[in-house]
């Protein structure tokens, strides 16, 4: 009887210790914080931090997110115990339109997943303040000024180290009508320094140096 009681206490102690470690791991993060989705099939976004809450879409594998809050409780999903994370979900590439959603923290990590092509994601200009480029897996990109609507859009393709950027020009016909048409094309050499640093080399040999954006203020 004594052994059973001690074993029960030991199990309870280990359970409390495990949950305490998980909680402390979450709390050690300074918020807001940039992290990345690690879910090859996508990560469901929800209105509240629980599995019964309304779904608000799916975040793509490798997508950059800004964590702004942790849930007080933990949950075990697919054998993984973690908190829920409240994140910004972008509605447009300009980074200016977004809503807040909850995702399970077990599928969010600190670095871009290794199976994600290096080019994907949000990059900050190293030589020009507040400028960024964002390359999406669907072949779209944005090139603009952080946290504003001053953004150029277009499509990108990559063959070897040759990156082709086809910009789309916005034309205002009148007060109520706007059309989009092909603007100009840049053919650039992509130089990968490492997973978080790249150079874009233009035909005139000018170089745009980009670093992956880990600044949570620029989401």
N, C-alpha and C. Protein backbone atom coordinates (compact mmCIF):
# COMPACT_ATOMS: atom_id res chain seq x y z
N UNK A 1 0.84 -1.21 0.00
CA UNK A 1 0.00 0.00 0.00
C UNK A 1 0.87 1.25 0.00
N UNK A 2 1.90 1.20 0.80
CA UNK A 2 2.83 2.32 0.85
C UNK A 2 3.47 2.55 -0.51
N UNK A 3 3.83 1.46 -1.21
CA UNK A 3 4.46 1.57 -2.53
C UNK A 3 3.52 2.20 -3.54
N UNK A 4 2.22 1.76 -3.48
CA UNK A 4 1.24 2.31 -4.42
C UNK A 4 1.08 3.80 -4.21
N UNK A 5 1.00 4.22 -2.95
CA UNK A 5 0.85 5.65 -2.66
C UNK A 5 2.05 6.44 -3.13
N UNK A 6 3.24 5.92 -2.91
CA UNK A 6 4.44 6.61 -3.35
C UNK A 6 4.49 6.69 -4.87
N UNK A 7 4.10 5.61 -5.53
CA UNK A 7 4.10 5.60 -7.00
C UNK A 7 3.11 6.63 -7.52
N UNK A 8 1.94 6.72 -6.87
CA UNK A 8 0.96 7.69 -7.30
C UNK A 8 1.46 9.11 -7.13
N UNK A 9 2.11 9.36 -6.00
CA UNK A 9 2.66 10.68 -5.77
C UNK A 9 3.74 11.01 -6.79
N UNK A 10 4.54 9.97 -7.12
CA UNK A 10 5.61 10.18 -8.09
C UNK A 10 5.05 10.55 -9.46
N UNK A 11 3.98 9.85 -9.85
CA UNK A 11 3.36 10.13 -11.15
C UNK A 11 2.79 11.55 -11.16
N UNK A 12 2.12 11.93 -10.07
CA UNK A 12 1.55 13.29 -9.99
C UNK A 12 2.66 14.34 -10.05
N UNK A 13 3.75 14.05 -9.30
CA UNK A 13 4.88 14.99 -9.29
C UNK A 13 5.47 15.16 -10.69
N UNK A 14 5.65 14.05 -11.41
CA UNK A 14 6.22 14.11 -12.75
C UNK A 14 5.28 14.86 -13.71
N UNK A 15 3.98 14.65 -13.55
CA UNK A 15 3.02 15.34 -14.42
C UNK A 15 3.06 16.84 -14.19
N UNK A 16 3.10 17.22 -12.89
CA UNK A 16 3.17 18.65 -12.56
C UNK A 16 4.46 19.26 -13.07
N UNK A 17 5.58 18.51 -12.91
CA UNK A 17 6.87 19.00 -13.38
C UNK A 17 6.87 19.20 -14.89
N UNK A 18 6.29 18.25 -15.63
CA UNK A 18 6.25 18.34 -17.09
C UNK A 18 5.45 19.56 -17.53
N UNK A 19 4.29 19.77 -16.93
CA UNK A 19 3.46 20.91 -17.31
C UNK A 19 4.12 22.22 -16.94
N UNK A 20 4.86 22.21 -15.81
CA UNK A 20 5.58 23.43 -15.41
C UNK A 20 6.66 23.77 -16.41
N UNK A 21 7.38 22.74 -16.90
CA UNK A 21 8.44 22.98 -17.90
C UNK A 21 7.84 23.54 -19.18
N UNK A 22 6.71 22.96 -19.63
CA UNK A 22 6.05 23.46 -20.84
C UNK A 22 5.64 24.91 -20.67
N UNK A 23 5.07 25.23 -19.48
CA UNK A 23 4.63 26.60 -19.23
C UNK A 23 5.81 27.56 -19.22
N UNK A 24 6.91 27.16 -18.58
CA UNK A 24 8.08 28.03 -18.52
C UNK A 24 8.71 28.22 -19.89
N UNK A 25 8.68 27.17 -20.71
CA UNK A 25 9.20 27.30 -22.07
C UNK A 25 8.42 28.34 -22.84
N UNK A 26 7.09 28.36 -22.66
CA UNK A 26 6.28 29.35 -23.35
C UNK A 26 6.56 30.74 -22.80
N UNK A 27 6.69 30.84 -21.46
CA UNK A 27 6.84 32.15 -20.86
C UNK A 27 8.21 32.78 -21.13
N UNK A 28 9.21 31.94 -21.48
CA UNK A 28 10.55 32.50 -21.69
C UNK A 28 10.63 33.31 -22.98
N UNK A 29 9.64 33.18 -23.84
CA UNK A 29 9.61 33.95 -25.07
C UNK A 29 9.19 35.38 -24.77
N UNK A 30 9.93 36.31 -25.30
CA UNK A 30 9.53 37.71 -25.18
C UNK A 30 8.55 38.03 -26.29
N UNK A 31 7.45 38.63 -25.94
CA UNK A 31 6.41 38.91 -26.93
C UNK A 31 6.38 40.40 -27.25
N UNK A 32 6.02 40.74 -28.50
CA UNK A 32 5.73 39.83 -29.62
C UNK A 32 7.00 39.14 -30.14
N UNK A 33 6.80 38.03 -30.84
CA UNK A 33 7.93 37.21 -31.30
C UNK A 33 7.62 36.62 -32.67
N UNK A 34 8.61 36.62 -33.55
CA UNK A 34 8.46 36.02 -34.88
C UNK A 34 8.75 34.52 -34.79
N UNK A 35 7.85 33.71 -35.33
CA UNK A 35 8.05 32.27 -35.42
C UNK A 35 7.52 31.79 -36.78
N UNK A 36 7.63 30.48 -37.04
CA UNK A 36 7.28 29.95 -38.35
C UNK A 36 6.46 28.67 -38.21
N UNK A 37 5.48 28.52 -39.09
CA UNK A 37 4.62 27.35 -39.06
C UNK A 37 5.41 26.13 -39.53
N UNK A 38 5.31 25.04 -38.77
CA UNK A 38 5.97 23.79 -39.12
C UNK A 38 4.92 22.70 -39.23
N UNK A 39 4.15 22.74 -40.31
CA UNK A 39 3.05 21.81 -40.52
C UNK A 39 2.88 21.60 -42.03
N UNK A 40 3.47 20.54 -42.59
CA UNK A 40 3.44 20.33 -44.05
C UNK A 40 2.05 20.35 -44.66
N UNK A 41 1.03 19.98 -43.90
CA UNK A 41 -0.35 19.98 -44.43
C UNK A 41 -1.08 21.28 -44.08
N UNK A 42 -0.37 22.23 -43.47
CA UNK A 42 -0.98 23.48 -43.07
C UNK A 42 -1.45 23.44 -41.63
N UNK A 43 -1.60 24.60 -41.02
CA UNK A 43 -1.98 24.71 -39.61
C UNK A 43 -3.29 25.49 -39.51
N UNK A 44 -4.31 24.85 -38.94
CA UNK A 44 -5.61 25.50 -38.82
C UNK A 44 -5.56 26.68 -37.85
N UNK A 45 -6.18 27.77 -38.26
CA UNK A 45 -6.31 28.96 -37.42
C UNK A 45 -7.73 28.98 -36.86
N UNK A 46 -7.85 29.34 -35.58
CA UNK A 46 -9.16 29.31 -34.93
C UNK A 46 -9.46 30.63 -34.23
N UNK A 47 -10.75 30.83 -33.97
CA UNK A 47 -11.20 32.08 -33.35
C UNK A 47 -10.82 32.14 -31.87
N UNK A 48 -10.82 30.99 -31.19
CA UNK A 48 -10.48 30.89 -29.78
C UNK A 48 -9.47 29.76 -29.59
N UNK A 49 -8.77 29.71 -28.43
CA UNK A 49 -7.72 28.71 -28.23
C UNK A 49 -8.24 27.35 -27.80
N UNK A 50 -8.99 26.69 -28.68
CA UNK A 50 -9.45 25.32 -28.42
C UNK A 50 -9.90 24.68 -29.72
N UNK A 51 -9.95 23.35 -29.74
CA UNK A 51 -10.26 22.61 -30.96
C UNK A 51 -11.71 22.76 -31.39
N UNK A 52 -12.58 23.18 -30.50
CA UNK A 52 -14.00 23.31 -30.83
C UNK A 52 -14.35 24.69 -31.38
N UNK A 53 -13.37 25.59 -31.41
CA UNK A 53 -13.62 26.95 -31.87
C UNK A 53 -13.74 27.00 -33.40
N UNK A 54 -14.37 28.05 -33.87
CA UNK A 54 -14.57 28.22 -35.31
C UNK A 54 -13.23 28.34 -36.04
N UNK A 55 -13.13 27.64 -37.18
CA UNK A 55 -11.94 27.74 -38.01
C UNK A 55 -11.95 29.04 -38.82
N UNK A 56 -10.77 29.67 -38.90
CA UNK A 56 -10.66 30.93 -39.63
C UNK A 56 -9.64 30.85 -40.77
N UNK A 57 -9.40 29.65 -41.24
CA UNK A 57 -8.46 29.48 -42.34
C UNK A 57 -7.32 28.57 -41.95
N UNK A 58 -6.34 28.50 -42.85
CA UNK A 58 -5.19 27.63 -42.66
C UNK A 58 -3.92 28.43 -42.94
N UNK A 59 -2.93 28.32 -42.05
CA UNK A 59 -1.63 28.95 -42.27
C UNK A 59 -0.73 27.97 -43.01
N UNK A 60 0.02 28.46 -43.98
CA UNK A 60 0.84 27.60 -44.82
C UNK A 60 2.10 27.13 -44.10
N UNK A 61 2.58 25.97 -44.48
CA UNK A 61 3.84 25.44 -43.97
C UNK A 61 4.96 26.43 -44.26
N UNK A 62 5.69 26.82 -43.22
CA UNK A 62 6.77 27.79 -43.37
C UNK A 62 6.34 29.23 -43.26
N UNK A 63 5.04 29.48 -43.09
CA UNK A 63 4.56 30.86 -43.03
C UNK A 63 5.08 31.57 -41.79
N UNK A 64 5.49 32.81 -41.96
CA UNK A 64 5.98 33.64 -40.86
C UNK A 64 4.78 34.19 -40.09
N UNK A 65 4.83 34.06 -38.75
CA UNK A 65 3.75 34.58 -37.92
C UNK A 65 4.36 35.40 -36.78
N UNK A 66 3.58 36.32 -36.25
CA UNK A 66 4.01 37.11 -35.09
C UNK A 66 3.15 36.69 -33.91
N UNK A 67 3.79 36.10 -32.90
CA UNK A 67 3.09 35.66 -31.70
C UNK A 67 2.89 36.86 -30.78
N UNK A 68 1.65 37.09 -30.35
CA UNK A 68 1.36 38.23 -29.49
C UNK A 68 0.85 37.82 -28.11
N UNK A 69 0.47 36.51 -27.97
CA UNK A 69 -0.09 36.08 -26.69
C UNK A 69 -0.05 34.55 -26.61
N UNK A 70 0.10 34.01 -25.38
CA UNK A 70 -0.01 32.58 -25.14
C UNK A 70 -1.29 32.32 -24.36
N UNK A 71 -1.90 31.16 -24.58
CA UNK A 71 -3.04 30.78 -23.75
C UNK A 71 -2.54 30.40 -22.36
N UNK A 72 -3.39 30.56 -21.35
CA UNK A 72 -3.01 30.17 -20.00
C UNK A 72 -2.94 28.65 -19.85
N UNK A 73 -3.76 27.94 -20.60
CA UNK A 73 -3.81 26.48 -20.48
C UNK A 73 -2.97 25.82 -21.59
N UNK A 74 -2.61 24.56 -21.34
CA UNK A 74 -1.96 23.76 -22.37
C UNK A 74 -2.95 22.71 -22.88
N UNK A 75 -2.62 22.14 -24.02
CA UNK A 75 -3.45 21.09 -24.59
C UNK A 75 -2.54 20.09 -25.28
N UNK A 76 -2.96 18.83 -25.31
CA UNK A 76 -2.18 17.80 -25.98
C UNK A 76 -2.89 17.40 -27.27
N UNK A 77 -2.21 17.63 -28.39
CA UNK A 77 -2.74 17.31 -29.71
C UNK A 77 -1.68 16.52 -30.47
N UNK A 78 -2.10 15.39 -31.03
CA UNK A 78 -1.17 14.51 -31.76
C UNK A 78 0.04 14.13 -30.90
N UNK A 79 -0.19 13.98 -29.60
CA UNK A 79 0.88 13.60 -28.70
C UNK A 79 1.81 14.73 -28.30
N UNK A 80 1.50 15.97 -28.71
CA UNK A 80 2.32 17.14 -28.40
C UNK A 80 1.58 18.02 -27.41
N UNK A 81 2.24 18.38 -26.32
CA UNK A 81 1.63 19.26 -25.32
C UNK A 81 2.22 20.67 -25.43
N UNK A 82 1.37 21.64 -25.60
CA UNK A 82 1.83 23.02 -25.72
C UNK A 82 0.68 23.97 -25.46
N UNK A 83 1.00 25.25 -25.42
CA UNK A 83 -0.01 26.30 -25.33
C UNK A 83 -0.56 26.59 -26.72
N UNK A 84 -1.66 27.33 -26.77
CA UNK A 84 -2.13 27.94 -27.99
C UNK A 84 -1.47 29.30 -28.13
N UNK A 85 -1.18 29.70 -29.36
CA UNK A 85 -0.53 30.99 -29.61
C UNK A 85 -1.49 31.89 -30.40
N UNK A 86 -1.62 33.12 -29.94
CA UNK A 86 -2.40 34.11 -30.69
C UNK A 86 -1.46 34.82 -31.66
N UNK A 87 -1.81 34.81 -32.95
CA UNK A 87 -0.92 35.34 -33.98
C UNK A 87 -1.68 36.27 -34.92
N UNK A 88 -0.91 37.03 -35.68
CA UNK A 88 -1.48 37.85 -36.75
C UNK A 88 -1.58 37.02 -38.03
N UNK A 89 -2.74 37.04 -38.65
CA UNK A 89 -2.92 36.39 -39.95
C UNK A 89 -3.14 37.48 -40.99
N UNK A 90 -2.29 37.52 -42.00
CA UNK A 90 -2.39 38.57 -43.01
C UNK A 90 -3.48 38.27 -44.03
N UNK A 91 -4.19 39.30 -44.39
CA UNK A 91 -5.24 39.19 -45.39
C UNK A 91 -4.74 39.60 -46.77
N UNK A 92 -3.66 40.42 -46.78
CA UNK A 92 -3.08 40.86 -48.05
C UNK A 92 -1.57 40.90 -47.89
N UNK A 93 -0.87 40.90 -49.01
CA UNK A 93 0.59 40.88 -49.00
C UNK A 93 1.20 42.17 -48.50
N UNK A 94 0.42 43.26 -48.45
CA UNK A 94 1.02 44.52 -48.02
C UNK A 94 1.36 44.55 -46.53
N UNK A 95 0.92 43.50 -45.79
CA UNK A 95 1.24 43.43 -44.37
C UNK A 95 0.45 44.43 -43.54
N UNK A 96 -0.47 45.16 -44.19
CA UNK A 96 -1.20 46.24 -43.54
C UNK A 96 -2.59 45.78 -43.10
N UNK A 97 -3.06 44.68 -43.69
CA UNK A 97 -4.39 44.16 -43.40
C UNK A 97 -4.26 42.78 -42.75
N UNK A 98 -4.79 42.63 -41.55
CA UNK A 98 -4.64 41.37 -40.85
C UNK A 98 -5.74 41.21 -39.81
N UNK A 99 -5.87 40.00 -39.28
CA UNK A 99 -6.72 39.74 -38.15
C UNK A 99 -5.95 38.83 -37.19
N UNK A 100 -6.46 38.73 -35.95
CA UNK A 100 -5.82 37.89 -34.95
C UNK A 100 -6.51 36.53 -34.89
N UNK A 101 -5.72 35.46 -34.87
CA UNK A 101 -6.25 34.11 -34.79
C UNK A 101 -5.42 33.31 -33.78
N UNK A 102 -5.94 32.15 -33.38
CA UNK A 102 -5.23 31.27 -32.47
C UNK A 102 -4.77 30.02 -33.22
N UNK A 103 -3.54 29.57 -32.94
CA UNK A 103 -3.02 28.33 -33.52
C UNK A 103 -2.38 27.51 -32.41
N UNK A 104 -2.31 26.20 -32.60
CA UNK A 104 -1.68 25.34 -31.61
C UNK A 104 -0.17 25.48 -31.68
N UNK A 105 0.47 25.77 -30.52
CA UNK A 105 1.89 26.07 -30.50
C UNK A 105 2.81 24.91 -30.80
N UNK A 106 2.29 23.68 -30.78
CA UNK A 106 3.14 22.53 -31.07
C UNK A 106 3.62 22.48 -32.51
N UNK A 107 3.00 23.28 -33.37
CA UNK A 107 3.39 23.28 -34.79
C UNK A 107 3.94 24.64 -35.22
N UNK A 108 4.56 25.34 -34.28
CA UNK A 108 5.19 26.63 -34.57
C UNK A 108 6.61 26.59 -34.00
N UNK A 109 7.60 26.96 -34.81
CA UNK A 109 9.00 26.86 -34.40
C UNK A 109 9.74 28.18 -34.65
N UNK A 110 10.98 28.25 -34.14
CA UNK A 110 11.75 29.50 -34.18
C UNK A 110 12.40 29.79 -35.52
N UNK A 111 12.67 28.76 -36.32
CA UNK A 111 13.38 28.93 -37.58
C UNK A 111 12.52 28.43 -38.74
N UNK A 112 12.83 28.90 -39.93
CA UNK A 112 12.13 28.43 -41.13
C UNK A 112 12.40 26.93 -41.30
N UNK A 113 11.37 26.11 -41.52
CA UNK A 113 11.60 24.68 -41.72
C UNK A 113 12.60 24.43 -42.86
N UNK A 114 13.44 23.42 -42.69
CA UNK A 114 14.51 23.17 -43.64
C UNK A 114 14.01 22.74 -45.02
N UNK A 115 12.77 22.22 -45.09
CA UNK A 115 12.25 21.80 -46.39
C UNK A 115 11.59 22.94 -47.15
N UNK A 116 11.61 24.14 -46.59
CA UNK A 116 11.05 25.31 -47.26
C UNK A 116 12.16 25.98 -48.08
N UNK A 117 11.94 26.27 -49.38
CA UNK A 117 12.96 26.97 -50.16
C UNK A 117 13.39 28.28 -49.50
N UNK A 118 14.66 28.56 -49.53
CA UNK A 118 15.21 29.72 -48.82
C UNK A 118 14.52 31.03 -49.20
N UNK A 119 14.16 31.19 -50.47
CA UNK A 119 13.60 32.47 -50.94
C UNK A 119 12.28 32.81 -50.27
N UNK A 120 11.48 31.79 -49.91
CA UNK A 120 10.15 32.06 -49.37
C UNK A 120 10.23 32.89 -48.11
N UNK A 121 9.29 33.82 -47.95
CA UNK A 121 9.17 34.55 -46.70
C UNK A 121 9.37 36.04 -46.85
N UNK A 122 9.47 36.69 -45.71
CA UNK A 122 9.55 38.15 -45.64
C UNK A 122 10.99 38.57 -45.36
N UNK A 123 11.48 39.54 -46.15
CA UNK A 123 12.86 39.98 -46.08
C UNK A 123 12.92 41.49 -45.90
N UNK A 124 13.87 41.94 -45.10
CA UNK A 124 14.10 43.38 -44.91
C UNK A 124 15.32 43.82 -45.69
N UNK A 125 15.24 45.00 -46.28
CA UNK A 125 16.41 45.59 -46.94
C UNK A 125 17.46 45.92 -45.87
N UNK A 126 18.68 45.54 -46.09
CA UNK A 126 19.74 45.87 -45.12
C UNK A 126 20.24 47.30 -45.28
N UNK A 127 20.10 47.86 -46.48
CA UNK A 127 20.67 49.18 -46.76
C UNK A 127 19.62 50.28 -46.86
N UNK A 128 18.34 49.92 -46.70
CA UNK A 128 17.27 50.91 -46.76
C UNK A 128 16.29 50.60 -45.64
N UNK A 129 16.09 51.55 -44.74
CA UNK A 129 15.24 51.31 -43.59
C UNK A 129 13.76 51.16 -43.97
N UNK A 130 13.10 50.21 -43.32
CA UNK A 130 11.65 50.01 -43.40
C UNK A 130 11.19 49.46 -44.76
N UNK A 131 12.10 49.11 -45.65
CA UNK A 131 11.70 48.50 -46.92
C UNK A 131 11.75 46.98 -46.79
N UNK A 132 10.87 46.29 -47.52
CA UNK A 132 10.82 44.83 -47.43
C UNK A 132 10.42 44.21 -48.76
N UNK A 133 10.68 42.91 -48.88
CA UNK A 133 10.15 42.09 -49.96
C UNK A 133 9.57 40.83 -49.32
N UNK A 134 8.48 40.33 -49.90
CA UNK A 134 7.80 39.14 -49.37
C UNK A 134 7.50 38.21 -50.52
N UNK A 135 8.09 37.00 -50.48
CA UNK A 135 7.91 36.01 -51.54
C UNK A 135 7.02 34.88 -51.02
N UNK A 136 5.87 34.69 -51.70
CA UNK A 136 4.89 33.68 -51.28
C UNK A 136 5.02 32.40 -52.12
N UNK A 137 4.68 31.23 -51.53
CA UNK A 137 4.76 29.97 -52.27
C UNK A 137 3.87 29.92 -53.51
N UNK A 138 2.83 30.76 -53.56
CA UNK A 138 1.92 30.74 -54.72
C UNK A 138 2.44 31.55 -55.91
N UNK A 139 3.70 32.02 -55.81
CA UNK A 139 4.30 32.74 -56.94
C UNK A 139 4.04 34.22 -56.93
N UNK A 140 3.50 34.76 -55.85
CA UNK A 140 3.28 36.20 -55.75
C UNK A 140 4.32 36.83 -54.84
N UNK A 141 4.58 38.11 -55.04
CA UNK A 141 5.50 38.82 -54.16
C UNK A 141 5.04 40.25 -53.95
N UNK A 142 5.58 40.86 -52.90
CA UNK A 142 5.33 42.27 -52.60
C UNK A 142 6.66 42.94 -52.35
N UNK A 143 6.74 44.22 -52.69
CA UNK A 143 7.97 45.00 -52.54
C UNK A 143 7.53 46.39 -52.09
N UNK A 144 7.79 46.73 -50.82
CA UNK A 144 7.23 48.00 -50.37
C UNK A 144 7.78 48.50 -49.06
N UNK A 145 7.01 49.40 -48.46
CA UNK A 145 7.37 50.09 -47.23
C UNK A 145 6.59 49.47 -46.08
N UNK A 146 7.31 49.08 -45.00
CA UNK A 146 6.68 48.40 -43.88
C UNK A 146 5.49 49.16 -43.31
N UNK A 147 4.43 48.37 -42.98
CA UNK A 147 3.25 48.87 -42.27
C UNK A 147 2.54 50.02 -42.98
N UNK A 148 2.63 50.04 -44.30
CA UNK A 148 1.90 51.03 -45.09
C UNK A 148 1.30 50.34 -46.29
N UNK A 149 0.49 51.08 -47.05
CA UNK A 149 -0.09 50.54 -48.28
C UNK A 149 0.78 50.90 -49.49
N UNK A 150 1.97 51.46 -49.25
CA UNK A 150 2.89 51.80 -50.35
C UNK A 150 3.65 50.55 -50.77
N UNK A 151 3.01 49.76 -51.63
CA UNK A 151 3.54 48.45 -51.99
C UNK A 151 3.37 48.21 -53.49
N UNK A 152 4.39 47.59 -54.10
CA UNK A 152 4.29 47.09 -55.46
C UNK A 152 4.11 45.58 -55.40
N UNK A 153 3.27 45.05 -56.31
CA UNK A 153 2.99 43.62 -56.32
C UNK A 153 3.40 43.02 -57.66
N UNK A 154 3.45 41.70 -57.67
CA UNK A 154 3.74 41.03 -58.92
C UNK A 154 3.85 39.53 -58.73
N UNK A 155 4.41 38.87 -59.73
CA UNK A 155 4.63 37.42 -59.67
C UNK A 155 6.11 37.13 -59.84
N UNK A 156 6.56 36.01 -59.28
CA UNK A 156 7.96 35.64 -59.38
C UNK A 156 8.11 34.20 -59.86
N UNK A 157 9.22 33.93 -60.55
CA UNK A 157 9.61 32.57 -60.91
C UNK A 157 11.10 32.44 -60.66
N UNK A 158 11.54 31.24 -60.36
CA UNK A 158 12.95 30.99 -60.09
C UNK A 158 13.39 29.76 -60.85
N UNK A 159 14.39 29.93 -61.73
CA UNK A 159 14.97 28.82 -62.46
C UNK A 159 16.47 28.82 -62.19
N UNK A 160 16.92 27.84 -61.42
CA UNK A 160 18.31 27.85 -61.00
C UNK A 160 18.53 29.03 -60.07
N UNK A 161 19.45 29.91 -60.44
CA UNK A 161 19.66 31.12 -59.63
C UNK A 161 19.12 32.36 -60.31
N UNK A 162 18.32 32.18 -61.36
CA UNK A 162 17.74 33.31 -62.09
C UNK A 162 16.32 33.58 -61.57
N UNK A 163 16.16 34.72 -60.95
CA UNK A 163 14.88 35.13 -60.38
C UNK A 163 14.24 36.17 -61.28
N UNK A 164 13.02 35.89 -61.75
CA UNK A 164 12.29 36.82 -62.62
C UNK A 164 11.14 37.43 -61.84
N UNK A 165 11.14 38.75 -61.74
CA UNK A 165 10.07 39.46 -61.04
C UNK A 165 9.25 40.24 -62.07
N UNK A 166 7.97 39.90 -62.18
CA UNK A 166 7.07 40.59 -63.10
C UNK A 166 6.13 41.47 -62.28
N UNK A 167 6.35 42.77 -62.34
CA UNK A 167 5.57 43.71 -61.54
C UNK A 167 4.22 43.99 -62.21
N UNK A 168 3.21 44.21 -61.39
CA UNK A 168 1.88 44.55 -61.85
C UNK A 168 1.62 46.02 -61.54
N UNK A 169 1.17 46.76 -62.55
CA UNK A 169 0.94 48.19 -62.38
C UNK A 169 -0.53 48.45 -62.13
N UNK A 170 -0.83 49.29 -61.14
CA UNK A 170 -2.19 49.69 -60.82
C UNK A 170 -2.54 50.96 -61.59
N UNK A 171 -3.63 50.93 -62.32
CA UNK A 171 -4.06 52.07 -63.12
C UNK A 171 -5.45 52.50 -62.66
N UNK A 172 -5.58 53.73 -62.17
CA UNK A 172 -6.88 54.25 -61.75
C UNK A 172 -7.58 54.91 -62.94
N UNK A 173 -8.67 54.27 -63.38
CA UNK A 173 -9.42 54.78 -64.53
C UNK A 173 -10.24 56.00 -64.11
N UNK A 174 -10.91 55.87 -63.00
CA UNK A 174 -11.67 56.99 -62.45
C UNK A 174 -11.77 56.77 -60.94
N UNK A 175 -12.62 57.52 -60.29
CA UNK A 175 -12.73 57.46 -58.84
C UNK A 175 -13.15 56.09 -58.34
N UNK A 176 -13.88 55.34 -59.18
CA UNK A 176 -14.45 54.08 -58.74
C UNK A 176 -13.84 52.86 -59.43
N UNK A 177 -12.99 53.08 -60.41
CA UNK A 177 -12.50 51.96 -61.23
C UNK A 177 -10.97 51.91 -61.24
N UNK A 178 -10.46 50.74 -60.89
CA UNK A 178 -9.01 50.50 -60.93
C UNK A 178 -8.76 49.21 -61.68
N UNK A 179 -7.80 49.24 -62.59
CA UNK A 179 -7.42 48.02 -63.30
C UNK A 179 -5.94 47.74 -63.03
N UNK A 180 -5.57 46.48 -63.25
CA UNK A 180 -4.19 46.07 -63.05
C UNK A 180 -3.65 45.51 -64.36
N UNK A 181 -2.46 45.93 -64.72
CA UNK A 181 -1.85 45.47 -65.96
C UNK A 181 -0.36 45.23 -65.74
N UNK A 182 0.23 44.49 -66.67
CA UNK A 182 1.65 44.19 -66.56
C UNK A 182 2.45 45.49 -66.60
N UNK A 183 3.38 45.60 -65.65
CA UNK A 183 4.20 46.79 -65.58
C UNK A 183 5.57 46.59 -66.19
N UNK A 184 6.49 46.04 -65.42
CA UNK A 184 7.85 45.83 -65.92
C UNK A 184 8.38 44.53 -65.34
N UNK A 185 9.46 44.06 -65.90
CA UNK A 185 10.06 42.79 -65.46
C UNK A 185 11.53 43.00 -65.11
N UNK A 186 11.93 42.47 -63.96
CA UNK A 186 13.33 42.46 -63.55
C UNK A 186 13.85 41.03 -63.59
N UNK A 187 14.99 40.84 -64.22
CA UNK A 187 15.64 39.53 -64.24
C UNK A 187 16.90 39.64 -63.39
N UNK A 188 16.94 38.88 -62.32
CA UNK A 188 17.91 39.08 -61.25
C UNK A 188 18.62 37.76 -60.95
N UNK A 189 19.86 37.85 -60.51
CA UNK A 189 20.57 36.68 -60.01
C UNK A 189 20.39 36.60 -58.50
N UNK A 190 19.92 35.44 -58.04
CA UNK A 190 19.73 35.21 -56.62
C UNK A 190 20.99 34.58 -56.03
N UNK A 191 21.58 35.24 -55.07
CA UNK A 191 22.75 34.71 -54.37
C UNK A 191 22.34 34.40 -52.93
N UNK A 192 22.38 33.12 -52.58
CA UNK A 192 21.99 32.70 -51.24
C UNK A 192 23.24 32.65 -50.35
N UNK A 193 23.26 33.50 -49.33
CA UNK A 193 24.37 33.51 -48.39
C UNK A 193 24.17 32.39 -47.35
N UNK A 194 23.00 32.38 -46.75
CA UNK A 194 22.57 31.31 -45.85
C UNK A 194 21.05 31.38 -45.77
N UNK A 195 20.44 30.63 -44.85
CA UNK A 195 18.98 30.56 -44.79
C UNK A 195 18.34 31.90 -44.45
N UNK A 196 19.10 32.81 -43.87
CA UNK A 196 18.53 34.08 -43.42
C UNK A 196 19.12 35.30 -44.11
N UNK A 197 19.94 35.10 -45.13
CA UNK A 197 20.58 36.22 -45.83
C UNK A 197 20.72 35.90 -47.31
N UNK A 198 20.25 36.82 -48.16
CA UNK A 198 20.37 36.64 -49.60
C UNK A 198 20.75 37.97 -50.25
N UNK A 199 21.29 37.89 -51.46
CA UNK A 199 21.57 39.06 -52.27
C UNK A 199 20.83 38.94 -53.59
N UNK A 200 20.28 40.05 -54.06
CA UNK A 200 19.68 40.12 -55.39
C UNK A 200 20.60 40.98 -56.26
N UNK A 201 21.14 40.37 -57.31
CA UNK A 201 22.10 41.05 -58.17
C UNK A 201 21.41 41.43 -59.48
N UNK A 202 21.33 42.71 -59.75
CA UNK A 202 20.60 43.23 -60.91
C UNK A 202 21.53 43.33 -62.13
N UNK A 203 20.95 43.48 -63.33
CA UNK A 203 21.76 43.52 -64.56
C UNK A 203 22.83 44.62 -64.57
N UNK A 204 22.58 45.71 -63.87
CA UNK A 204 23.59 46.79 -63.81
C UNK A 204 24.63 46.55 -62.72
N UNK A 205 24.60 45.32 -62.16
CA UNK A 205 25.54 44.89 -61.11
C UNK A 205 25.28 45.52 -59.74
N UNK A 206 24.18 46.25 -59.61
CA UNK A 206 23.82 46.73 -58.29
C UNK A 206 23.32 45.54 -57.46
N UNK A 207 23.52 45.61 -56.16
CA UNK A 207 23.17 44.49 -55.28
C UNK A 207 22.21 44.96 -54.20
N UNK A 208 21.11 44.25 -54.06
CA UNK A 208 20.16 44.51 -52.97
C UNK A 208 20.37 43.42 -51.93
N UNK A 209 20.82 43.81 -50.75
CA UNK A 209 21.09 42.86 -49.68
C UNK A 209 19.87 42.73 -48.78
N UNK A 210 19.41 41.49 -48.59
CA UNK A 210 18.20 41.24 -47.82
C UNK A 210 18.50 40.29 -46.66
N UNK A 211 17.88 40.56 -45.52
CA UNK A 211 17.95 39.67 -44.37
C UNK A 211 16.56 39.25 -43.96
N UNK A 212 16.39 38.00 -43.58
CA UNK A 212 15.06 37.54 -43.18
C UNK A 212 14.55 38.40 -42.01
N UNK A 213 13.29 38.77 -42.09
CA UNK A 213 12.73 39.71 -41.13
C UNK A 213 12.29 38.99 -39.86
N UNK A 214 13.04 39.19 -38.77
CA UNK A 214 12.68 38.65 -37.47
C UNK A 214 12.15 39.74 -36.54
N UNK A 215 11.97 40.94 -37.07
CA UNK A 215 11.47 42.04 -36.25
C UNK A 215 9.95 41.94 -36.13
N UNK A 216 9.43 41.67 -34.93
CA UNK A 216 7.97 41.48 -34.78
C UNK A 216 7.18 42.77 -35.00
N UNK A 217 7.85 43.92 -34.96
CA UNK A 217 7.14 45.17 -35.21
C UNK A 217 6.75 45.30 -36.67
N UNK A 218 7.47 44.59 -37.56
CA UNK A 218 7.17 44.59 -38.97
C UNK A 218 6.58 43.22 -39.31
N UNK A 219 5.27 43.19 -39.38
CA UNK A 219 4.60 41.89 -39.51
C UNK A 219 4.05 41.69 -40.91
